[in-house]
PDB file of N, CA and C in Angstrom:
ATOM      1  N   MET A   1       0.734  -1.169  -0.017  1.00  0.00           N
ATOM      2  CA  MET A   1       0.023  -0.245   0.032  1.00  0.00           C
ATOM      3  C   MET A   1       0.738   1.449  -0.143  1.00  0.00           C
ATOM      4  N   VAL A   2       0.317   2.214  -0.607  1.00  0.00           N
ATOM      5  CA  VAL A   2       1.252   3.509  -0.998  1.00  0.00           C
ATOM      6  C   VAL A   2       0.303   4.607  -0.408  1.00  0.00           C
ATOM      7  N   LYS A   3       1.008   4.864   0.933  1.00  0.00           N
ATOM      8  CA  LYS A   3      -0.040   5.985   1.415  1.00  0.00           C
ATOM      9  C   LYS A   3       0.178   7.705   0.548  1.00  0.00           C
ATOM     10  N   ILE A   4      -1.011   8.217   0.161  1.00  0.00           N
ATOM     11  CA  ILE A   4      -1.233   9.561  -0.118  1.00  0.00           C
ATOM     12  C   ILE A   4      -1.073  10.638   0.649  1.00  0.00           C
ATOM     13  N   ILE A   5       0.302  11.245   0.745  1.00  0.00           N
ATOM     14  CA  ILE A   5       0.731  11.936   1.673  1.00  0.00           C
ATOM     15  C   ILE A   5       0.890  13.210   1.237  1.00  0.00           C
ATOM     16  N   LEU A   6       0.272  14.231   2.254  1.00  0.00           N
ATOM     17  CA  LEU A   6       0.353  15.832   2.063  1.00  0.00           C
ATOM     18  C   LEU A   6       1.548  16.386   1.815  1.00  0.00           C
ATOM     19  N   PRO A   7       2.265  17.141   1.079  1.00  0.00           N
ATOM     20  CA  PRO A   7       3.652  17.031   0.885  1.00  0.00           C
ATOM     21  C   PRO A   7       3.758  18.414   1.519  1.00  0.00           C
ATOM     22  N   GLN A   8       4.755  18.913   1.889  1.00  0.00           N
ATOM     23  CA  GLN A   8       5.236  20.544   2.375  1.00  0.00           C
ATOM     24  C   GLN A   8       4.749  21.198   1.195  1.00  0.00           C
ATOM     25  N   LEU A   9       4.352  22.475   1.952  1.00  0.00           N
ATOM     26  CA  LEU A   9       3.890  23.202   1.338  1.00  0.00           C
ATOM     27  C   LEU A   9       4.500  24.870   1.186  1.00  0.00           C
ATOM     28  N   SER A  10       4.183  25.861   0.505  1.00  0.00           N
ATOM     29  CA  SER A  10       4.752  27.269   0.615  1.00  0.00           C
ATOM     30  C   SER A  10       4.982  27.472   2.124  1.00  0.00           C
ATOM     31  N   GLU A  11       5.775  27.987   2.167  1.00  0.00           N
ATOM     32  CA  GLU A  11       6.346  28.772   3.675  1.00  0.00           C
ATOM     33  C   GLU A  11       5.969  29.100   4.486  1.00  0.00           C
ATOM     34  N   GLY A  12       5.680  28.680   5.396  1.00  0.00           N
ATOM     35  CA  GLY A  12       4.734  29.027   6.458  1.00  0.00           C
ATOM     36  C   GLY A  12       3.476  28.616   6.286  1.00  0.00           C
ATOM     37  N   ILE A  13       3.177  27.663   5.053  1.00  0.00           N
ATOM     38  CA  ILE A  13       1.621  26.930   5.568  1.00  0.00           C
ATOM     39  C   ILE A  13       1.434  25.482   5.657  1.00  0.00           C
ATOM     40  N   GLN A  14       1.043  25.360   6.388  1.00  0.00           N
ATOM     41  CA  GLN A  14       0.868  24.031   7.071  1.00  0.00           C
ATOM     42  C   GLN A  14      -0.294  22.618   7.467  1.00  0.00           C
ATOM     43  N   LYS A  15      -1.023  23.541   6.706  1.00  0.00           N
ATOM     44  CA  LYS A  15      -2.069  22.567   6.758  1.00  0.00           C
ATOM     45  C   LYS A  15      -2.880  23.374   5.471  1.00  0.00           C
ATOM     46  N   ALA A  16      -4.032  22.414   4.942  1.00  0.00           N
ATOM     47  CA  ALA A  16      -5.060  22.535   3.975  1.00  0.00           C
ATOM     48  C   ALA A  16      -6.231  21.622   3.901  1.00  0.00           C
ATOM     49  N   THR A  17      -7.623  22.061   3.368  1.00  0.00           N
ATOM     50  CA  THR A  17      -8.245  21.955   2.814  1.00  0.00           C
ATOM     51  C   THR A  17      -8.959  20.974   1.985  1.00  0.00           C
ATOM     52  N   VAL A  18      -9.334  19.536   2.134  1.00  0.00           N
ATOM     53  CA  VAL A  18      -9.905  18.505   1.031  1.00  0.00           C
ATOM     54  C   VAL A  18     -10.904  19.449   0.619  1.00  0.00           C
ATOM     55  N   SER A  19     -10.839  19.762  -0.920  1.00  0.00           N
ATOM     56  CA  SER A  19     -12.013  20.112  -1.368  1.00  0.00           C
ATOM     57  C   SER A  19     -13.159  18.998  -2.167  1.00  0.00           C
ATOM     58  N   TYR A  20     -11.935  18.390  -2.884  1.00  0.00           N
ATOM     59  CA  TYR A  20     -12.925  17.508  -3.575  1.00  0.00           C
ATOM     60  C   TYR A  20     -12.102  16.429  -4.255  1.00  0.00           C
ATOM     61  N   TRP A  21     -12.379  15.120  -4.040  1.00  0.00           N
ATOM     62  CA  TRP A  21     -11.733  13.936  -4.558  1.00  0.00           C
ATOM     63  C   TRP A  21     -12.394  13.760  -5.845  1.00  0.00           C
ATOM     64  N   TYR A  22     -11.470  13.301  -6.809  1.00  0.00           N
ATOM     65  CA  TYR A  22     -11.995  13.558  -8.486  1.00  0.00           C
ATOM     66  C   TYR A  22     -12.297  11.830  -8.700  1.00  0.00           C
ATOM     67  N   PHE A  23     -11.488  10.818  -7.537  1.00  0.00           N
ATOM     68  CA  PHE A  23     -12.052   9.354  -7.811  1.00  0.00           C
ATOM     69  C   PHE A  23     -12.802   8.993  -6.444  1.00  0.00           C
ATOM     70  N   LYS A  24     -12.895   7.575  -6.323  1.00  0.00           N
ATOM     71  CA  LYS A  24     -13.854   7.093  -4.979  1.00  0.00           C
ATOM     72  C   LYS A  24     -13.165   5.918  -4.858  1.00  0.00           C
ATOM     73  N   ALA A  25     -13.493   5.670  -3.605  1.00  0.00           N
ATOM     74  CA  ALA A  25     -12.558   4.343  -3.277  1.00  0.00           C
ATOM     75  C   ALA A  25     -13.271   3.217  -3.991  1.00  0.00           C
ATOM     76  N   GLY A  26     -12.191   2.592  -4.458  1.00  0.00           N
ATOM     77  CA  GLY A  26     -12.020   1.738  -5.621  1.00  0.00           C
ATOM     78  C   GLY A  26     -11.877   1.534  -7.192  1.00  0.00           C
ATOM     79  N   ASP A  27     -11.706   3.000  -7.429  1.00  0.00           N
ATOM     80  CA  ASP A  27     -11.541   3.437  -8.501  1.00  0.00           C
ATOM     81  C   ASP A  27      -9.692   3.128  -8.927  1.00  0.00           C
ATOM     82  N   LYS A  28      -9.727   2.781 -10.019  1.00  0.00           N
ATOM     83  CA  LYS A  28      -8.804   2.604 -10.393  1.00  0.00           C
ATOM     84  C   LYS A  28      -7.811   3.971 -11.044  1.00  0.00           C
ATOM     85  N   VAL A  29      -6.399   3.869 -10.426  1.00  0.00           N
ATOM     86  CA  VAL A  29      -5.811   5.283 -10.930  1.00  0.00           C
ATOM     87  C   VAL A  29      -4.963   5.388 -11.270  1.00  0.00           C
ATOM     88  N   ASN A  30      -4.264   5.852 -12.135  1.00  0.00           N
ATOM     89  CA  ASN A  30      -2.693   6.063 -13.067  1.00  0.00           C
ATOM     90  C   ASN A  30      -1.985   7.120 -12.321  1.00  0.00           C
ATOM     91  N   GLU A  31      -1.025   6.579 -12.484  1.00  0.00           N
ATOM     92  CA  GLU A  31       0.830   7.923 -11.865  1.00  0.00           C
ATOM     93  C   GLU A  31       0.077   8.476 -12.340  1.00  0.00           C
ATOM     94  N   LYS A  32      -0.049   9.989 -11.588  1.00  0.00           N
ATOM     95  CA  LYS A  32      -0.225  11.427 -12.094  1.00  0.00           C
ATOM     96  C   LYS A  32      -1.381  12.240 -12.239  1.00  0.00           C
ATOM     97  N   ASP A  33      -1.854  10.900 -12.475  1.00  0.00           N
ATOM     98  CA  ASP A  33      -3.441  11.814 -12.152  1.00  0.00           C
ATOM     99  C   ASP A  33      -3.652  12.776 -11.016  1.00  0.00           C
ATOM    100  N   ASP A  34      -4.660  13.475 -11.491  1.00  0.00           N
ATOM    101  CA  ASP A  34      -5.056  14.621 -10.021  1.00  0.00           C
ATOM    102  C   ASP A  34      -6.142  13.392  -9.345  1.00  0.00           C
ATOM    103  N   LEU A  35      -5.838  13.388  -7.966  1.00  0.00           N
ATOM    104  CA  LEU A  35      -6.457  12.451  -7.017  1.00  0.00           C
ATOM    105  C   LEU A  35      -7.399  13.563  -6.601  1.00  0.00           C
ATOM    106  N   VAL A  36      -6.593  14.517  -5.849  1.00  0.00           N
ATOM    107  CA  VAL A  36      -7.530  15.427  -5.171  1.00  0.00           C
ATOM    108  C   VAL A  36      -7.503  16.360  -5.035  1.00  0.00           C
ATOM    109  N   GLU A  37      -8.175  17.432  -4.679  1.00  0.00           N
ATOM    110  CA  GLU A  37      -7.651  19.595  -4.897  1.00  0.00           C
ATOM    111  C   GLU A  37      -8.358  19.361  -3.460  1.00  0.00           C
ATOM    112  N   LEU A  38      -6.958  20.311  -3.379  1.00  0.00           N
ATOM    113  CA  LEU A  38      -6.957  21.009  -1.603  1.00  0.00           C
ATOM    114  C   LEU A  38      -7.072  22.651  -2.096  1.00  0.00           C
ATOM    115  N   THR A  39      -7.060  23.053  -0.677  1.00  0.00           N
ATOM    116  CA  THR A  39      -7.810  24.444  -0.875  1.00  0.00           C
ATOM    117  C   THR A  39      -6.212  24.940   0.573  1.00  0.00           C
ATOM    118  N   THR A  40      -5.373  25.871   0.405  1.00  0.00           N
ATOM    119  CA  THR A  40      -5.003  26.696   1.462  1.00  0.00           C
ATOM    120  C   THR A  40      -5.712  28.287   1.417  1.00  0.00           C
ATOM    121  N   ASP A  41      -5.003  28.933   2.568  1.00  0.00           N
ATOM    122  CA  ASP A  41      -5.503  30.280   2.313  1.00  0.00           C
ATOM    123  C   ASP A  41      -4.596  31.312   1.278  1.00  0.00           C
ATOM    124  N   LYS A  42      -3.868  30.485   0.690  1.00  0.00           N
ATOM    125  CA  LYS A  42      -2.859  31.130  -0.146  1.00  0.00           C
ATOM    126  C   LYS A  42      -3.987  30.582  -2.174  1.00  0.00           C
ATOM    127  N   ALA A  43      -3.852  29.551  -1.893  1.00  0.00           N
ATOM    128  CA  ALA A  43      -4.294  28.868  -3.407  1.00  0.00           C
ATOM    129  C   ALA A  43      -4.585  27.600  -3.180  1.00  0.00           C
ATOM    130  N   THR A  44      -5.352  27.269  -4.071  1.00  0.00           N
ATOM    131  CA  THR A  44      -6.059  25.556  -4.642  1.00  0.00           C
ATOM    132  C   THR A  44      -5.268  25.047  -5.427  1.00  0.00           C
ATOM    133  N   PHE A  45      -4.550  23.793  -5.480  1.00  0.00           N
ATOM    134  CA  PHE A  45      -4.107  23.310  -5.974  1.00  0.00           C
ATOM    135  C   PHE A  45      -4.528  21.296  -6.222  1.00  0.00           C
ATOM    136  N   ASN A  46      -4.093  20.517  -7.258  1.00  0.00           N
ATOM    137  CA  ASN A  46      -4.532  19.121  -7.135  1.00  0.00           C
ATOM    138  C   ASN A  46      -3.180  18.636  -6.726  1.00  0.00           C
ATOM    139  N   LEU A  47      -3.128  17.445  -6.301  1.00  0.00           N
ATOM    140  CA  LEU A  47      -2.513  16.497  -5.561  1.00  0.00           C
ATOM    141  C   LEU A  47      -2.414  15.311  -6.785  1.00  0.00           C
ATOM    142  N   PRO A  48      -1.900  15.371  -7.507  1.00  0.00           N
ATOM    143  CA  PRO A  48      -1.399  13.826  -8.289  1.00  0.00           C
ATOM    144  C   PRO A  48      -1.310  12.155  -7.458  1.00  0.00           C
ATOM    145  N   SER A  49      -1.632  11.431  -8.540  1.00  0.00           N
ATOM    146  CA  SER A  49      -1.126   9.827  -7.769  1.00  0.00           C
ATOM    147  C   SER A  49       0.126   9.785  -7.998  1.00  0.00           C
ATOM    148  N   PRO A  50       0.665   9.068  -6.504  1.00  0.00           N
ATOM    149  CA  PRO A  50       2.663   8.817  -6.471  1.00  0.00           C
ATOM    150  C   PRO A  50       2.633   7.393  -7.305  1.00  0.00           C
ATOM    151  N   CYS A  51       1.573   6.484  -7.531  1.00  0.00           N
ATOM    152  CA  CYS A  51       1.448   5.866  -8.629  1.00  0.00           C
ATOM    153  C   CYS A  51       0.404   5.026  -9.020  1.00  0.00           C
ATOM    154  N   PRO A  52       0.495   4.284  -9.676  1.00  0.00           N
ATOM    155  CA  PRO A  52      -0.799   3.501 -10.923  1.00  0.00           C
ATOM    156  C   PRO A  52      -1.459   2.936  -9.545  1.00  0.00           C
ATOM    157  N   GLY A  53      -2.465   1.804  -9.784  1.00  0.00           N
ATOM    158  CA  GLY A  53      -3.345   1.050  -8.751  1.00  0.00           C
ATOM    159  C   GLY A  53      -4.449   1.709  -8.297  1.00  0.00           C
ATOM    160  N   ILE A  54      -5.062   1.061  -7.621  1.00  0.00           N
ATOM    161  CA  ILE A  54      -6.419   1.133  -6.968  1.00  0.00           C
ATOM    162  C   ILE A  54      -6.869   1.742  -5.461  1.00  0.00           C
ATOM    163  N   LEU A  55      -7.832   3.107  -5.632  1.00  0.00           N
ATOM    164  CA  LEU A  55      -7.702   3.970  -4.127  1.00  0.00           C
ATOM    165  C   LEU A  55      -8.672   2.930  -3.517  1.00  0.00           C
ATOM    166  N   THR A  56      -8.040   2.976  -2.530  1.00  0.00           N
ATOM    167  CA  THR A  56      -8.844   2.055  -1.534  1.00  0.00           C
ATOM    168  C   THR A  56      -9.102   2.513  -0.407  1.00  0.00           C
ATOM    169  N   GLU A  57      -8.633   3.273  -0.106  1.00  0.00           N
ATOM    170  CA  GLU A  57      -9.106   4.040   1.015  1.00  0.00           C
ATOM    171  C   GLU A  57      -9.285   5.813   1.129  1.00  0.00           C
ATOM    172  N   ILE A  58     -10.285   6.414   1.252  1.00  0.00           N
ATOM    173  CA  ILE A  58     -10.128   8.157   1.436  1.00  0.00           C
ATOM    174  C   ILE A  58     -10.549   8.100   3.252  1.00  0.00           C
ATOM    175  N   SER A  59      -9.083   8.429   3.667  1.00  0.00           N
ATOM    176  CA  SER A  59      -9.306   8.919   4.912  1.00  0.00           C
ATOM    177  C   SER A  59      -9.288  10.413   5.603  1.00  0.00           C
ATOM    178  N   ALA A  60      -9.076  11.297   4.093  1.00  0.00           N
ATOM    179  CA  ALA A  60      -9.344  12.417   4.596  1.00  0.00           C
ATOM    180  C   ALA A  60     -10.609  13.367   3.596  1.00  0.00           C
ATOM    181  N   LEU A  61     -12.059  13.037   4.447  1.00  0.00           N
ATOM    182  CA  LEU A  61     -12.931  13.279   3.569  1.00  0.00           C
ATOM    183  C   LEU A  61     -13.060  14.930   2.990  1.00  0.00           C
ATOM    184  N   GLU A  62     -14.035  15.268   2.264  1.00  0.00           N
ATOM    185  CA  GLU A  62     -14.250  16.867   1.535  1.00  0.00           C
ATOM    186  C   GLU A  62     -14.876  17.351   2.735  1.00  0.00           C
ATOM    187  N   GLY A  63     -13.805  18.468   3.173  1.00  0.00           N
ATOM    188  CA  GLY A  63     -14.372  19.848   3.794  1.00  0.00           C
ATOM    189  C   GLY A  63     -13.443  19.377   5.355  1.00  0.00           C
ATOM    190  N   SER A  64     -12.363  18.007   5.175  1.00  0.00           N
ATOM    191  CA  SER A  64     -11.454  18.307   6.392  1.00  0.00           C
ATOM    192  C   SER A  64     -10.283  18.641   6.223  1.00  0.00           C
ATOM    193  N   THR A  65      -9.727  19.436   6.997  1.00  0.00           N
ATOM    194  CA  THR A  65      -8.313  19.724   7.097  1.00  0.00           C
ATOM    195  C   THR A  65      -7.551  19.104   7.413  1.00  0.00           C
ATOM    196  N   VAL A  66      -6.520  19.174   6.996  1.00  0.00           N
ATOM    197  CA  VAL A  66      -5.363  18.058   6.723  1.00  0.00           C
ATOM    198  C   VAL A  66      -3.973  18.663   7.348  1.00  0.00           C
ATOM    199  N   ASN A  67      -2.914  18.271   7.874  1.00  0.00           N
ATOM    200  CA  ASN A  67      -1.692  18.999   7.836  1.00  0.00           C
ATOM    201  C   ASN A  67      -0.595  17.950   7.477  1.00  0.00           C
ATOM    202  N   VAL A  68       0.701  19.220   6.840  1.00  0.00           N
ATOM    203  CA  VAL A  68       1.748  18.616   6.238  1.00  0.00           C
ATOM    204  C   VAL A  68       2.040  17.019   7.033  1.00  0.00           C
ATOM    205  N   GLY A  69       2.352  16.047   5.938  1.00  0.00           N
ATOM    206  CA  GLY A  69       2.617  15.052   6.550  1.00  0.00           C
ATOM    207  C   GLY A  69       1.494  14.127   6.811  1.00  0.00           C
ATOM    208  N   ASP A  70       0.572  14.589   6.881  1.00  0.00           N
ATOM    209  CA  ASP A  70      -1.103  13.446   6.986  1.00  0.00           C
ATOM    210  C   ASP A  70      -1.139  13.151   5.955  1.00  0.00           C
ATOM    211  N   SER A  71      -1.275  11.981   5.990  1.00  0.00           N
ATOM    212  CA  SER A  71      -1.937  10.629   5.315  1.00  0.00           C
ATOM    213  C   SER A  71      -3.681  10.928   4.764  1.00  0.00           C
ATOM    214  N   LEU A  72      -3.922  11.353   3.505  1.00  0.00           N
ATOM    215  CA  LEU A  72      -4.916  11.688   2.702  1.00  0.00           C
ATOM    216  C   LEU A  72      -6.158  10.096   1.845  1.00  0.00           C
ATOM    217  N   GLY A  73      -5.479   9.016   2.111  1.00  0.00           N
ATOM    218  CA  GLY A  73      -5.622   7.826   1.429  1.00  0.00           C
ATOM    219  C   GLY A  73      -4.854   6.532   1.346  1.00  0.00           C
ATOM    220  N   LEU A  74      -5.181   5.608   0.837  1.00  0.00           N
ATOM    221  CA  LEU A  74      -3.368   4.732   0.212  1.00  0.00           C
ATOM    222  C   LEU A  74      -4.221   4.342  -1.181  1.00  0.00           C
ATOM    223  N   ILE A  75      -3.429   3.569  -1.628  1.00  0.00           N
ATOM    224  CA  ILE A  75      -3.454   3.226  -3.363  1.00  0.00           C
ATOM    225  C   ILE A  75      -3.137   2.114  -2.974  1.00  0.00           C
ATOM    226  N   GLN A  76      -3.376   0.790  -3.412  1.00  0.00           N
ATOM    227  CA  GLN A  76      -3.001  -0.338  -3.525  1.00  0.00           C
ATOM    228  C   GLN A  76      -2.336  -0.294  -5.237  1.00  0.00           C
ATOM    229  N   GLU A  77      -0.730  -0.400  -5.234  1.00  0.00           N
ATOM    230  CA  GLU A  77      -0.281  -0.412  -6.015  1.00  0.00           C
ATOM    231  C   GLU A  77      -0.424  -1.858  -6.964  1.00  0.00           C
ATOM    232  N   SER A  78      -0.251  -1.362  -8.339  1.00  0.00           N
ATOM    233  CA  SER A  78      -1.020  -2.506  -9.441  1.00  0.00           C
ATOM    234  C   SER A  78       0.634  -2.511 -10.167  1.00  0.00           C
TER     235      SER A  78
END
């Protein structure tokens, strides 16, 4: 399993809000597919898939706030 992790953001930004998931648990994803839209105080951005596989778990639901380094979900690599 590969964790989808919120990476280090701009200087001084330590958290983001999950705006929208482009896939649901059980969906097949390709490497670099946009998985989730995140919003900070300064920007909105998409987080790409780190690998191809099946999105098996979404642990950060839409509307939730996550910190840098937190897991957003899991992908079973294919």
